[in-house]
Protein backbone atom coordinates (compact mmCIF):
# COMPACT_ATOMS: atom_id res chain seq x y z
CA MET A 1 58.21 178.67 167.74
CA GLY A 2 61.66 177.48 167.90
CA LEU A 3 61.39 176.25 171.43
CA ALA A 4 62.80 172.90 172.65
CA PRO A 5 59.92 170.33 173.56
CA THR A 6 61.17 170.13 177.24
CA LEU A 7 61.28 174.11 177.61
CA LEU A 8 57.93 174.43 179.26
CA GLU A 9 58.70 171.72 181.82
CA GLN A 10 62.14 173.25 182.36
CA LEU A 11 60.69 176.81 182.83
CA THR A 12 58.01 175.60 185.24
CA GLU A 13 60.59 173.87 187.35
CA ASN A 14 62.81 177.01 187.36
CA ILE A 15 59.90 179.28 188.46
CA ARG A 16 58.74 176.85 190.95
CA SER A 17 62.22 176.77 192.71
CA ALA A 18 62.22 180.55 192.76
CA ARG A 19 58.83 181.22 193.98
CA ASP A 20 59.94 183.39 197.01
CA ALA A 21 61.24 186.01 194.45
CA PHE A 22 57.73 187.02 193.54
CA SER A 23 54.37 186.77 195.10
CA TYR A 24 51.32 185.69 193.03
CA GLU A 25 49.39 183.30 195.19
CA HIS A 26 46.66 182.34 192.86
CA ALA A 27 48.86 181.67 189.84
CA HIS A 28 50.92 178.41 190.29
CA SER A 29 54.28 177.95 188.61
CA ALA A 30 52.86 176.18 185.50
CA GLN A 31 50.38 178.87 185.00
CA ILE A 32 53.17 181.42 185.00
CA ALA A 33 55.27 179.38 182.59
CA SER A 34 52.44 179.06 180.21
CA LEU A 35 51.90 182.88 180.20
CA CYS A 36 55.57 183.29 179.38
CA VAL A 37 55.32 180.87 176.37
CA SER A 38 52.12 182.72 175.20
CA ILE A 39 53.77 186.09 175.25
CA TYR A 40 56.86 184.59 173.38
CA ALA A 41 54.44 182.99 170.85
CA LEU A 42 52.79 186.43 170.28
CA GLN A 43 56.20 188.00 169.66
CA TYR A 44 55.79 191.13 171.81
CA ASP A 45 58.77 193.70 171.61
CA ILE A 46 58.44 196.02 174.41
CA ARG A 47 61.31 197.27 176.66
CA LEU A 48 60.43 197.39 180.31
CA THR A 49 62.12 197.20 183.55
CA ASP A 50 63.84 193.96 184.41
CA THR A 51 62.46 191.71 187.20
CA LYS A 52 63.47 188.76 189.09
CA ILE A 53 61.49 186.35 186.89
CA ASN A 54 63.95 187.07 184.06
CA ASP A 55 66.46 184.75 185.84
CA CYS A 56 64.25 181.84 185.57
CA LEU A 57 63.65 182.75 181.66
CA ARG A 58 67.53 182.98 181.04
CA GLN A 59 67.94 179.61 182.81
CA SER A 60 65.60 178.08 180.38
CA ASP A 61 67.45 179.80 177.33
CA MET A 62 64.50 181.89 176.15
CA SER A 63 65.24 184.89 174.12
CA PHE A 64 63.34 188.19 174.66
CA SER A 65 63.76 187.44 178.38
CA ASP A 66 63.71 191.01 179.57
CA ASP A 67 60.68 191.72 177.67
CA ILE A 68 58.74 188.70 178.71
CA GLY A 69 59.68 188.96 182.32
CA SER A 70 58.66 192.66 182.45
CA MET A 71 55.34 191.98 180.79
CA ILE A 72 54.57 188.97 183.18
CA ARG A 73 55.14 191.11 186.23
CA THR A 74 53.06 193.99 184.80
CA PHE A 75 50.38 191.62 183.78
CA LEU A 76 50.13 189.76 187.08
CA ALA A 77 50.28 192.85 189.08
CA GLU A 78 47.06 194.15 187.15
CA GLN A 79 45.66 190.70 187.85
CA ASN A 80 46.32 190.89 191.58
CA GLN A 81 44.58 194.34 191.77
CA ILE A 82 41.53 192.64 190.18
CA ILE A 83 41.77 189.59 192.45
CA ASP A 84 41.79 191.76 195.60
CA SER A 85 38.63 193.61 194.63
CA ILE A 86 36.83 190.16 194.60
CA THR A 87 35.35 189.55 197.94
CA THR A 88 32.65 187.26 199.39
CA GLY A 89 30.47 190.18 200.14
CA LYS A 90 30.52 191.36 196.41
CA ILE A 91 29.88 187.84 195.27
CA LEU A 92 26.85 187.55 197.65
CA ASP A 93 25.55 190.76 196.05
CA LEU A 94 25.90 189.29 192.47
CA LEU A 95 24.05 186.08 193.66
CA GLN A 96 21.31 188.10 195.12
CA MET A 97 20.88 189.83 191.72
CA THR A 98 20.84 186.36 189.99
CA TYR A 99 18.26 185.36 192.55
CA ASP A 100 16.11 188.33 191.81
CA GLU A 101 16.23 187.68 188.02
CA HIS A 102 15.48 183.90 188.27
CA GLN A 103 13.68 183.63 191.54
CA ALA A 104 15.81 180.58 192.46
CA PRO A 105 16.70 180.30 196.09
CA VAL A 106 19.81 178.16 195.53
CA TYR A 107 22.66 179.99 197.04
CA ASP A 108 24.40 179.85 200.36
CA MET A 109 27.63 181.19 202.01
CA GLU A 110 29.57 178.11 200.87
CA LEU A 111 28.66 178.81 197.21
CA ALA A 112 29.86 182.44 197.53
CA VAL A 113 33.08 181.50 199.06
CA SER A 114 33.81 178.66 196.42
CA LEU A 115 32.82 181.09 193.60
CA ALA A 116 35.04 183.93 194.91
CA ASN A 117 37.98 181.40 195.04
CA HIS A 118 37.26 180.18 191.62
CA LEU A 119 37.05 183.64 190.07
CA LYS A 120 40.48 184.49 191.66
CA ARG A 121 42.01 181.39 190.26
CA SER A 122 40.45 182.02 186.77
CA ILE A 123 41.57 185.58 186.74
CA ALA A 124 45.05 184.52 187.70
CA TYR A 125 45.09 182.06 184.81
CA PRO A 126 43.25 183.73 181.89
CA ILE A 127 43.08 181.70 178.56
CA ILE A 128 45.82 182.91 176.24
CA LEU A 129 46.90 179.92 174.72
CA ALA A 130 44.10 177.17 173.69
CA ASP A 131 42.98 175.18 176.79
CA LYS A 132 41.82 171.70 175.80
CA LYS A 133 38.72 170.52 177.61
CA LEU A 134 39.28 167.18 179.17
CA HIS A 135 35.71 166.87 180.71
CA ASN A 136 32.38 166.25 179.31
CA ILE A 137 29.59 167.18 181.72
CA ALA A 138 26.61 167.21 179.23
CA ASN A 139 24.80 164.61 181.66
CA ILE A 140 25.16 167.02 184.54
CA LYS A 141 23.83 169.86 182.49
CA ALA A 142 20.80 167.86 181.51
CA LEU A 143 20.14 167.00 185.36
CA TYR A 144 20.68 170.61 186.66
CA PRO A 145 19.78 172.90 183.63
CA LEU A 146 18.69 175.53 186.01
CA ALA A 147 22.11 175.60 187.62
CA PHE A 148 23.78 176.22 184.40
CA ASP A 149 21.26 178.89 183.42
CA LEU A 150 22.04 180.54 186.83
CA SER A 151 25.81 180.43 186.12
CA ILE A 152 25.45 182.10 182.55
CA HIS A 153 23.60 184.96 184.18
CA PHE A 154 26.07 185.08 187.15
CA ILE A 155 29.12 185.05 184.97
CA GLY A 156 27.67 187.99 182.83
CA LEU A 157 27.34 189.99 186.08
CA VAL A 158 30.91 189.05 187.06
CA ASN A 159 32.37 190.12 183.70
CA GLN A 160 30.45 193.61 183.97
CA THR A 161 31.21 194.22 187.51
CA PHE A 162 34.95 193.38 187.45
CA ASP A 163 35.76 194.19 183.91
CA VAL A 164 37.02 190.56 183.18
CA LEU A 165 36.23 187.95 180.98
CA ILE A 166 35.64 184.57 182.44
CA TYR A 167 35.15 181.88 179.79
CA ASP A 168 34.54 178.46 181.19
CA ILE A 169 31.07 178.50 182.78
CA ASP A 170 30.85 174.84 182.96
CA LEU A 171 32.86 174.83 186.27
CA VAL A 172 30.83 177.63 187.62
CA GLY A 173 27.75 175.58 186.72
CA LEU A 174 28.99 172.71 188.70
CA TYR A 175 29.38 174.98 191.85
CA PHE A 176 25.58 175.93 191.47
CA SER A 177 24.59 172.38 190.99
CA CYS A 178 26.21 171.43 194.26
CA ALA A 179 24.52 174.37 195.96
CA MET A 180 21.18 173.22 194.81
CA ASP A 181 21.70 169.71 196.34
CA ARG A 182 22.49 171.71 199.62
CA VAL A 183 19.23 173.59 199.65
CA LYS A 184 17.31 172.27 202.60
CA THR A 185 13.97 170.61 201.90
CA ALA A 186 11.48 168.62 203.83
CA PRO A 187 12.60 164.98 204.25
CA ILE A 188 11.00 162.29 202.23
CA GLU A 189 9.03 159.98 204.57
CA LEU A 190 9.65 156.28 204.19
CA VAL A 191 8.11 153.50 206.37
CA LEU A 192 9.97 150.24 206.85
CA PHE A 193 7.62 147.39 207.79
CA SER A 194 9.33 144.69 209.74
CA ASN A 195 8.97 142.02 212.39
CA GLN A 196 12.57 141.90 213.24
CA TYR A 197 13.77 145.06 215.17
CA ALA A 198 17.57 144.45 214.85
CA VAL A 199 17.46 143.77 211.09
CA ALA A 200 15.02 146.81 210.67
CA SER A 201 17.25 149.14 212.76
CA ILE A 202 20.37 148.26 210.69
CA ASN A 203 18.34 148.82 207.41
CA LYS A 204 17.09 152.08 208.70
CA GLN A 205 20.60 153.34 209.48
CA THR A 206 21.86 152.11 206.22
CA ILE A 207 19.20 153.89 204.24
CA GLU A 208 19.42 157.30 206.04
CA ARG A 209 23.05 157.19 205.72
CA ALA A 210 23.02 156.48 201.87
CA ILE A 211 20.14 158.77 201.11
CA PRO A 212 20.40 161.73 203.48
CA GLU A 213 17.03 163.45 202.29
CA VAL A 214 14.91 160.61 203.61
CA ASN A 215 13.45 159.92 207.05
CA VAL A 216 12.66 156.14 207.80
CA THR A 217 10.04 155.32 210.33
CA LEU A 218 10.11 151.71 211.70
CA ALA A 219 6.53 149.87 211.73
CA MET A 220 6.75 146.44 213.72
CA ASN A 221 3.11 145.60 213.16
CA ALA A 222 0.09 146.41 211.02
CA ALA A 223 -1.23 148.84 213.41
CA GLU A 224 1.87 150.80 213.52
CA LEU A 225 2.01 150.88 209.80
CA GLN A 226 -1.66 152.27 209.38
CA ASN A 227 -0.62 154.82 212.08
CA SER A 228 2.23 156.08 210.04
CA LEU A 229 0.14 156.14 206.88
CA GLN A 230 -2.40 158.35 208.59
CA ASN A 231 0.05 161.00 210.27
CA GLN A 232 2.69 161.07 207.64
CA ALA A 233 3.00 161.78 203.99
CA VAL A 234 4.48 158.51 203.26
CA LYS A 235 6.13 158.15 199.78
CA LEU A 236 7.22 154.68 199.98
CA ILE A 237 6.89 151.49 202.14
CA LEU A 238 9.77 149.08 202.48
CA ASN A 239 8.49 145.60 203.19
CA ASN A 240 11.19 143.97 205.46
CA HIS A 241 8.73 141.55 206.97
CA ASP A 242 8.64 137.86 206.86
CA GLY A 243 4.94 137.86 206.19
CA PRO A 244 2.73 139.55 203.58
CA LEU A 245 2.41 143.17 203.60
CA PRO A 246 -1.17 144.53 204.36
CA ILE A 247 -2.98 145.93 201.52
CA VAL A 248 -1.99 149.71 201.02
CA SER A 249 -2.35 152.20 198.22
CA ILE A 250 1.34 153.37 198.75
CA THR A 251 4.12 152.12 196.44
CA SER A 252 6.05 149.35 198.13
CA TYR A 253 9.47 147.67 197.67
CA THR A 254 10.40 144.36 199.43
CA ILE A 255 13.84 143.88 201.12
CA ARG A 256 14.91 140.48 202.20
CA GLN A 257 16.97 140.76 205.45
CA ILE A 258 19.84 143.20 205.44
CA MET A 259 19.59 145.32 202.44
CA THR A 260 22.16 145.43 199.63
CA GLU A 261 23.80 148.17 197.56
CA MET A 262 21.45 147.09 194.66
CA ASP A 263 18.38 147.73 197.00
CA LEU A 264 19.71 151.36 197.75
CA ARG A 265 20.07 152.11 194.02
CA PHE A 266 16.68 150.82 193.36
CA ILE A 267 15.10 152.94 196.29
CA ARG A 268 17.01 156.01 194.98
CA ASP A 269 15.33 155.39 191.37
CA LEU A 270 12.00 154.61 192.81
CA LEU A 271 11.86 157.72 194.90
CA GLU A 272 12.65 159.84 191.85
CA LYS A 273 9.82 158.35 189.76
CA ILE A 274 7.02 158.08 192.29
CA ASP A 275 5.73 161.64 192.35
CA ILE A 276 6.48 162.46 188.79
CA GLU A 277 4.78 159.34 187.34
CA ARG A 278 1.76 160.15 189.58
CA HIS A 279 1.46 163.56 187.91
CA LEU A 280 2.58 163.11 184.35
CA GLU A 281 -0.71 164.25 182.88
CA ASP A 282 -0.45 167.43 184.99
CA TYR A 283 3.16 168.12 184.10
CA PHE A 284 2.70 167.40 180.37
CA PRO A 285 -0.89 168.49 179.70
CA GLN A 286 -2.44 167.33 176.46
CA THR A 287 -4.40 170.56 176.14
CA LEU A 288 -1.44 172.52 175.48
CA THR A 289 0.37 170.30 172.83
CA ALA A 290 0.79 171.84 169.47
CA GLN A 291 2.13 171.03 165.88
CA PHE A 292 4.27 173.97 164.57
CA LYS A 293 4.80 174.66 161.12
CA ASN A 294 8.32 175.94 160.98
CA GLU A 295 10.11 176.88 157.78
CA GLU A 296 12.30 174.24 156.29
CA HIS A 297 15.95 174.61 156.85
CA ALA A 298 15.15 177.44 159.61
CA THR A 299 17.69 177.95 162.38
CA TRP A 300 16.86 177.01 165.86
CA HIS A 301 17.03 180.68 166.92
CA ALA A 302 14.32 181.45 164.39
CA VAL A 303 12.17 178.57 165.29
CA ILE A 304 12.13 179.17 169.12
CA GLN A 305 11.43 182.93 168.46
CA ASP A 306 8.47 182.20 166.14
CA LEU A 307 7.25 179.31 168.40
CA THR A 308 7.24 181.23 171.69
CA THR A 309 5.61 184.24 169.88
CA SER A 310 2.69 182.13 168.78
CA PHE A 311 2.40 180.85 172.38
CA VAL A 312 2.28 184.31 173.74
CA GLU A 313 -0.45 185.31 171.29
CA LYS A 314 -2.56 182.21 172.35
CA GLY A 315 -1.97 183.07 176.01
CA ILE A 316 -0.11 179.85 176.70
CA ILE A 317 3.10 181.58 178.05
CA SER A 318 3.68 185.07 179.15
CA ALA A 319 5.84 187.62 177.46
CA SER A 320 8.16 187.45 180.41
CA GLU A 321 8.49 183.73 179.97
CA GLN A 322 9.10 184.09 176.19
CA GLU A 323 11.81 186.61 176.86
CA LYS A 324 13.65 184.45 179.36
CA ILE A 325 13.23 181.22 176.97
CA VAL A 326 14.70 183.10 173.85
CA SER A 327 17.40 184.80 175.81
CA ARG A 328 18.49 181.46 177.30
CA GLU A 329 18.45 179.62 173.97
CA SER A 330 20.52 182.32 172.39
CA GLU A 331 23.33 181.85 174.88
CA GLY A 332 24.09 178.26 173.42
CA ASN A 333 24.68 175.16 175.48
CA ASN A 334 21.12 174.29 174.61
CA LEU A 335 19.32 171.41 176.51
CA VAL A 336 18.79 168.48 174.08
CA ILE A 337 18.00 165.12 175.66
CA ASN A 338 18.20 162.32 172.99
CA HIS A 339 16.97 164.53 170.05
CA LEU A 340 14.42 166.20 172.37
CA ALA A 341 14.93 169.90 172.71
CA VAL A 342 14.03 171.18 176.22
CA PRO A 343 14.03 175.02 176.09
CA HIS A 344 13.05 176.19 179.51
CA CYS A 345 12.70 179.05 181.96
CA THR A 346 11.93 179.88 185.50
CA THR A 347 8.29 181.01 186.12
CA ASN A 348 6.25 182.50 188.97
CA ARG A 349 3.25 180.26 187.94
CA GLY A 350 1.34 178.46 190.76
CA THR A 351 2.08 175.17 189.27
CA PRO A 352 5.46 173.67 190.02
CA PHE A 353 6.19 172.59 186.39
CA ILE A 354 4.78 172.51 182.93
CA GLY A 355 5.98 170.97 179.84
CA ILE A 356 4.40 171.54 176.42
CA PHE A 357 5.03 169.03 173.85
CA VAL A 358 5.34 170.53 170.28
CA HIS A 359 5.96 168.48 167.12
CA LEU A 360 7.84 170.47 164.43
CA GLU A 361 6.87 170.05 160.81
CA HIS A 362 10.45 170.21 159.60
CA PRO A 363 13.60 169.02 161.68
CA VAL A 364 16.12 171.48 162.98
CA GLN A 365 19.75 171.22 163.82
CA ILE A 366 20.80 172.31 167.51
CA GLU A 367 24.47 172.11 168.14
CA GLY A 368 24.74 169.16 165.59
CA GLU A 369 21.76 167.24 166.89
CA THR A 370 18.64 166.65 164.80
CA VAL A 371 15.55 167.67 166.54
CA GLN A 372 11.95 167.39 165.42
CA ASN A 373 10.07 167.56 168.83
CA VAL A 374 10.26 170.39 171.55
CA LEU A 375 9.31 170.08 175.28
CA LEU A 376 8.96 173.72 176.14
CA SER A 377 9.23 173.77 179.88
CA CYS A 378 8.43 176.33 182.62
CA ILE A 379 9.79 175.70 186.15
CA ASN A 380 8.89 177.15 189.53
CA PRO A 381 12.36 176.87 191.31
CA ASN A 382 10.71 177.53 194.63
CA VAL A 383 9.28 174.05 194.63
CA ARG A 384 12.38 172.19 195.01
CA ASN A 385 11.42 168.67 194.65
CA GLU A 386 10.11 169.43 191.12
CA LEU A 387 13.45 170.26 189.76
CA LYS A 388 13.96 166.33 189.91
CA ILE A 389 11.83 166.26 186.80
CA PHE A 390 14.84 166.93 184.75
CA SER A 391 16.68 164.00 186.25
CA TYR A 392 13.55 161.82 185.44
CA LEU A 393 13.54 163.08 181.79
CA TYR A 394 17.26 162.52 181.40
CA TYR A 395 17.12 158.90 182.50
CA THR A 396 13.76 158.03 180.99
CA LEU A 397 14.49 159.60 177.42
CA ASN A 398 18.10 158.07 177.31
CA LYS A 399 16.45 154.60 177.73
CA ILE A 400 14.24 155.22 174.50
CA ASP A 401 15.72 154.36 171.08
CA SER A 402 16.60 157.73 169.43
CA SER A 403 14.82 156.55 166.21
CA VAL A 404 11.58 156.37 168.43
CA ILE A 405 11.91 159.82 169.63
CA LEU A 406 12.42 161.21 166.18
CA SER A 407 9.34 159.51 165.00
CA TRP A 408 7.12 161.00 167.46
CA GLN A 409 4.39 163.18 165.98
CA THR A 410 1.69 163.47 168.79
CA HIS A 411 1.58 164.03 172.48
CA ALA A 412 0.06 160.51 172.84
CA GLU A 413 3.27 158.91 171.49
CA PHE A 414 5.42 160.98 173.76
CA MET A 415 3.26 160.00 176.82
CA ALA A 416 3.31 156.26 175.83
CA SER A 417 7.08 156.39 175.68
CA LEU A 418 7.51 157.90 179.16
CA LYS A 419 4.91 155.39 180.63
CA GLN A 420 6.60 152.33 179.04
CA LYS A 421 7.93 150.10 181.70
CA ASP A 422 11.60 148.88 181.46
């Protein structure tokens, strides 16, 4: 472009030192400088009224300064008009529309405020020059697929409502992920069995501080332990007792004296797995598994369209569920966990989660990854704890060698791999 390598840095500094000359609170100096360089690169030649920003451009030895400065002022003034129209109230309306579509109660005022501020920043700095992504959040997408589904729908509403183009849905998806974690749920009940009250109290405080969603009840003898088991839906017993733990049917984990960070990590993982592993047969029913004869070299879009159509005809999924799945898969950013495709949708089914294992006759390519097995999933988002199934799938599937997953041909092989102990 005929520009010195240090020009952008110099221009940014000149604009920063003259910020009082113009007011664009959502566009910082580096963003305005990059817009100037973008317009220069596009070689616009329009004569408009001079502006104060031209002084910064002249100091940086840029030609076409009058044109660039005028266009920057006009452009940012238009952006400010759009920014002023974005209010928390309007964002709440769009979030309610997103909720109505997906029946997913995952938004709050904090999400609305965060999204409003994010959109204002995005509009103040549209993508004109290529913007290299410095982050990879594929693992977060696998843990919170519903959050990113909601973000895609929400951004579509934003683009339509405000007549703008927001490109980077990943950051919006992260805001939705955080909101999902804030949704209040009933605490997970744990019982800490101990004969040392001081040690037990310290461990109780440590656990509840590190894992906010749990409630720890102390049981200082066998009678108190049995009473807790009879009156609470206890998920896990923590044995902090010097003696043996009474025989119980609840999963237990032994802690020696003051618990460690390793203990906390193990408890988190254990809580994630307990409910899911108890209901694996319900979540992934063998009766619905299928072998699907897809055409060789067919696209993923064609495969998912034909597969879901056959499932609708057999009464396995509804037409509404098919529409949601096909629409979501056509958006890109498809969920694939270690060569297992997981197309999914929200549902009003009474069951919290259902995953249908399908073996494809021919492998397909999904965003550069080879896939020969599909786990078609329907989630009831109102049963918050069941969304942890994706976390379970992500960590469990990534512990399995990819060659094993690609070799699966039956539901039994799929289930055997899930149940395999570390």
